[in-house]
Protein backbone atom coordinates (compact mmCIF):
# COMPACT_ATOMS: atom_id res chain seq x y z
CA MET A 1 -109.09 -6.20 38.98
CA ALA A 2 -107.67 -3.62 41.33
CA ARG A 3 -103.94 -2.84 41.71
CA CYS A 4 -101.70 -1.89 44.45
CA THR A 5 -100.54 1.40 44.46
CA ALA A 6 -98.08 0.94 46.66
CA PRO A 7 -95.46 1.06 43.74
CA ILE A 8 -95.93 4.92 43.33
CA HIS A 9 -98.08 6.38 46.30
CA GLY A 10 -96.44 3.71 49.18
CA HIS A 11 -98.68 2.87 52.11
CA HIS A 12 -96.81 4.74 55.05
CA THR A 13 -99.76 5.77 56.73
CA ALA A 14 -103.43 4.35 57.64
CA SER A 15 -105.25 6.61 54.71
CA GLY A 16 -102.46 5.60 51.78
CA ARG A 17 -103.55 1.98 52.60
CA ALA A 18 -107.33 2.63 53.22
CA ASN A 19 -107.62 4.60 49.42
CA CYS A 20 -105.74 1.68 47.55
CA PRO A 21 -108.20 0.16 45.48
CA ALA A 22 -106.78 -3.16 45.98
CA CYS A 23 -105.78 -2.85 50.16
CA GLY A 24 -108.16 -0.86 51.56
CA GLY A 25 -108.37 -0.60 55.22
CA SER A 26 -106.09 -3.60 56.30
CA TYR A 27 -103.36 -1.78 57.05
CA ARG A 28 -101.08 -3.00 59.83
CA GLY A 29 -98.23 -0.93 60.18
CA TYR A 30 -95.70 -0.06 57.10
CA ASN A 31 -96.09 -2.45 54.47
CA THR A 32 -92.75 -3.94 53.18
CA TYR A 33 -94.30 -5.34 49.96
CA PRO A 34 -92.53 -8.85 49.75
CA ALA A 35 -92.46 -9.47 46.18
CA TYR A 36 -91.25 -5.87 45.55
CA SER A 37 -88.55 -5.94 48.03
CA SER A 38 -87.51 -9.25 47.43
CA GLN A 39 -86.98 -8.66 43.65
CA TYR A 40 -85.06 -5.29 44.66
CA SER A 41 -82.45 -7.03 46.69
CA SER A 42 -81.73 -9.39 44.32
CA LEU A 43 -80.77 -7.20 41.60
CA SER A 44 -78.72 -5.38 44.28
CA ASN A 45 -77.10 -8.14 45.41
CA SER A 46 -76.09 -9.74 42.30
CA SER A 47 -72.69 -9.43 40.56
CA THR A 48 -74.17 -7.47 37.89
CA SER A 49 -75.81 -3.62 38.05
CA ARG A 50 -76.72 -0.94 35.58
CA SER A 51 -73.91 2.41 35.68
CA SER A 52 -75.50 5.78 36.27
CA GLY A 53 -74.93 6.43 32.76
CA GLY A 54 -76.67 5.10 30.08
CA GLY A 55 -78.29 2.32 32.06
CA GLN A 56 -75.33 -0.33 30.46
CA ILE A 57 -75.10 -3.31 32.31
CA ARG A 58 -72.11 -4.09 34.48
CA LYS A 59 -70.77 -7.07 35.55
CA LYS A 60 -67.65 -9.13 37.09
CA ALA A 61 -64.99 -10.23 35.36
CA ARG A 62 -64.26 -13.97 35.20
CA TRP A 63 -60.39 -13.33 36.66
CA SER A 64 -62.49 -11.41 39.20
CA SER A 65 -62.37 -12.46 42.96
CA VAL A 66 -64.86 -13.81 45.04
CA GLY A 67 -65.08 -10.58 47.41
CA SER A 68 -64.36 -8.43 44.67
CA THR A 69 -67.01 -5.43 44.56
CA ILE A 70 -65.17 -4.58 40.91
CA LEU A 71 -68.03 -3.83 37.95
CA TYR A 72 -66.57 -3.85 34.01
CA THR A 73 -68.49 -2.73 31.20
CA PRO A 74 -69.00 -5.45 27.80
CA ALA A 75 -66.88 -3.19 25.70
CA GLU A 76 -63.84 -3.64 28.74
CA ILE A 77 -64.69 -7.44 28.96
CA ARG A 78 -63.98 -8.12 25.39
CA THR A 79 -61.12 -5.80 25.49
CA LEU A 80 -59.29 -6.88 28.83
CA ASN A 81 -59.98 -11.21 28.64
CA PRO A 82 -57.63 -11.38 26.10
CA VAL A 83 -54.78 -9.38 27.90
CA ARG A 84 -55.75 -11.86 30.54
CA GLU A 85 -55.60 -15.33 28.88
CA ASN A 86 -52.18 -14.48 28.09
CA ILE A 87 -50.98 -12.97 30.87
CA GLU A 88 -51.96 -16.48 32.11
CA LYS A 89 -50.11 -18.02 29.28
CA ARG A 90 -47.04 -15.88 30.31
CA PRO A 91 -44.16 -17.78 31.84
CA GLU A 92 -42.96 -16.31 35.25
CA LEU A 93 -39.11 -14.24 34.75
CA PRO A 94 -37.33 -13.38 37.43
CA ASP A 95 -37.90 -9.44 38.33
CA LEU A 96 -40.84 -9.87 36.35
CA ARG A 97 -43.19 -6.74 36.71
CA ASP A 98 -47.07 -6.54 36.60
CA VAL A 99 -46.90 -3.74 34.04
CA PHE A 100 -44.77 -1.65 31.69
CA LEU A 101 -45.87 2.01 31.99
CA CYS A 102 -45.52 3.97 28.43
CA HIS A 103 -46.78 7.65 28.65
CA ALA A 104 -45.69 10.68 27.17
CA TRP A 105 -42.95 12.66 28.68
CA GLU A 106 -44.57 15.41 29.36
CA ASP A 107 -46.72 13.18 31.74
CA ARG A 108 -44.04 11.57 33.94
CA ASN A 109 -44.84 14.24 36.67
CA GLY A 110 -48.39 14.47 36.09
CA ALA A 111 -51.04 11.81 35.27
CA ALA A 112 -48.44 9.54 34.27
CA LYS A 113 -46.38 9.74 38.11
CA GLU A 114 -50.51 9.49 39.61
CA LEU A 115 -50.74 6.40 37.99
CA HIS A 116 -47.69 4.56 38.57
CA ASP A 117 -48.49 5.57 42.16
CA ILE A 118 -51.67 4.52 42.52
CA LEU A 119 -50.99 1.08 40.86
CA GLU A 120 -47.81 0.37 43.45
CA SER A 121 -50.34 1.16 46.21
CA LYS A 122 -52.36 -1.83 44.99
CA GLY A 123 -49.24 -4.31 44.94
CA VAL A 124 -49.01 -3.93 41.56
CA THR A 125 -45.01 -3.66 40.64
CA ALA A 126 -44.86 -1.09 37.40
CA TRP A 127 -41.91 0.01 34.93
CA PHE A 128 -41.56 3.41 34.96
CA SER A 129 -39.17 5.44 33.08
CA GLU A 130 -38.79 7.99 36.13
CA LYS A 131 -37.42 5.78 38.32
CA ASP A 132 -36.26 2.78 36.22
CA VAL A 133 -34.12 4.67 33.56
CA PHE A 134 -30.62 5.95 35.36
CA LEU A 135 -28.71 9.15 34.20
CA GLY A 136 -26.41 8.03 31.94
CA SER A 137 -28.60 4.76 30.89
CA SER A 138 -29.74 4.35 27.45
CA LEU A 139 -33.36 4.91 27.38
CA LEU A 140 -34.16 2.86 24.34
CA ARG A 141 -32.48 0.01 25.53
CA GLU A 142 -33.86 0.19 28.60
CA ILE A 143 -37.68 0.82 27.53
CA ASP A 144 -36.83 -2.52 25.75
CA LYS A 145 -35.63 -4.74 28.94
CA GLY A 146 -38.79 -2.93 30.81
CA LEU A 147 -40.99 -4.17 27.97
CA VAL A 148 -39.81 -8.01 28.01
CA LYS A 149 -39.83 -8.28 31.93
CA SER A 150 -43.40 -6.98 32.01
CA ARG A 151 -46.92 -9.00 31.93
CA VAL A 152 -48.81 -6.05 30.36
CA GLY A 153 -48.39 -3.02 28.83
CA ILE A 154 -50.24 0.03 29.31
CA VAL A 155 -50.35 3.12 26.88
CA LEU A 156 -51.42 6.14 29.11
CA VAL A 157 -53.49 8.37 26.16
CA THR A 158 -53.12 11.88 26.74
CA PRO A 159 -53.33 15.08 24.74
CA SER A 160 -49.40 15.23 25.26
CA PHE A 161 -49.23 11.57 24.03
CA LEU A 162 -50.80 12.59 21.31
CA LYS A 163 -49.09 15.24 19.94
CA ARG A 164 -45.87 12.99 20.44
CA VAL A 165 -47.17 10.18 18.35
CA LYS A 166 -47.89 12.94 15.89
CA GLY A 167 -44.42 13.76 15.91
CA GLU A 168 -42.77 10.89 15.95
CA GLY A 169 -41.39 11.17 19.10
CA ILE A 170 -40.00 8.22 21.86
CA ALA A 171 -43.83 6.94 22.10
CA ASP A 172 -43.52 5.45 18.82
CA LYS A 173 -41.30 2.94 19.54
CA GLU A 174 -43.09 1.85 22.66
CA LEU A 175 -46.38 1.66 20.95
CA SER A 176 -44.72 -0.04 18.08
CA ALA A 177 -43.59 -2.49 20.70
CA LEU A 178 -46.38 -3.35 22.44
CA LEU A 179 -48.86 -2.98 19.52
CA ALA A 180 -46.43 -6.36 18.54
CA ARG A 181 -47.98 -7.99 21.44
CA ASP A 182 -51.23 -8.86 22.04
CA LEU A 183 -50.60 -7.28 26.31
CA LEU A 184 -51.86 -3.49 25.70
CA VAL A 185 -54.39 -1.73 27.48
CA PRO A 186 -55.16 1.80 26.37
CA ILE A 187 -55.46 3.82 29.27
CA LEU A 188 -57.31 7.28 27.89
CA HIS A 189 -57.31 10.83 30.10
CA ASN A 190 -58.54 13.89 28.89
CA THR A 191 -58.91 12.74 25.87
CA THR A 192 -61.48 10.34 23.49
CA PHE A 193 -61.18 7.22 21.27
CA GLU A 194 -61.83 9.53 18.23
CA ALA A 195 -58.83 11.83 18.81
CA LEU A 196 -56.98 8.94 19.84
CA ARG A 197 -58.05 7.04 15.69
CA GLU A 198 -57.06 10.46 14.12
CA VAL A 199 -53.09 9.97 15.02
CA SER A 200 -53.48 5.92 15.07
CA PRO A 201 -56.23 4.13 13.60
CA LEU A 202 -54.60 1.09 14.78
CA LEU A 203 -54.47 1.86 18.71
CA GLY A 204 -57.65 4.08 18.35
CA SER A 205 -59.41 0.51 17.71
CA ARG A 206 -59.22 -1.22 20.15
CA SER A 207 -61.11 -0.66 23.66
CA GLY A 208 -59.44 0.26 26.90
CA LEU A 209 -60.25 2.26 29.78
CA SER A 210 -60.92 5.76 30.06
CA THR A 211 -61.55 8.20 32.98
CA ILE A 212 -63.98 9.84 31.50
CA GLU A 213 -66.39 8.16 33.85
CA GLU A 214 -64.39 7.01 36.05
CA SER A 215 -61.91 7.98 38.31
CA MET A 216 -57.88 7.57 38.21
CA GLU A 217 -58.31 5.69 41.02
CA ASP A 218 -61.23 3.06 39.43
CA VAL A 219 -58.91 2.61 36.73
CA ALA A 220 -56.31 1.34 38.33
CA ALA A 221 -58.38 -1.23 40.53
CA LYS A 222 -59.43 -2.56 37.13
CA LEU A 223 -55.35 -3.11 35.71
CA ALA A 224 -54.47 -4.33 39.39
CA GLU A 225 -57.30 -6.86 39.58
CA LEU A 226 -56.43 -7.75 35.95
CA VAL A 227 -52.86 -8.21 36.46
CA THR A 228 -52.72 -9.81 39.54
CA SER A 229 -55.61 -11.53 40.85
């Protein structure tokens, strides 16, 4: 049986349709290919799609709101699902923050501040040393208080953070406390999981979110949906 050439060559002209071995000559204007268009529409309007990088399927998470347009990779859902489950189990406490932001000191006015500001613009309350540790306060004591009064911990992993972990800096205390709870989301920025595994195999063994394929804004949107929806 002759096959329609519309999906390949199109039938946007009378001559194009006339030359088709299946449709030849019965041109009635611009062809809309009902079956083909319906299939395409069904795919594009569903809660799943393929990302531009490698054709990986993305879909909405179970905690996504009905109108949400945020899509996750399977690895992201595997990582975030247990975190979400523990968030849902945690009792409400007075002055409970949504996230505790762990970062290297060198990033306090750069990537860490950018992430903090975007999160707060999305209605997420974040513990951030630059505004929550006052002059004369004990940094370690304030960190302890921040960890206790946060729904989830996020670790901003940057080249500076990796150097801190190697040098057993202040990030180690925060990291140890966060790893002791199943409420940890690594956020990789300007580095890779391979580089992280070289200095912290335990943290590097966990998946997380990364700004390699998405913007800081996109990553923050996923964190906001995780802790506030």
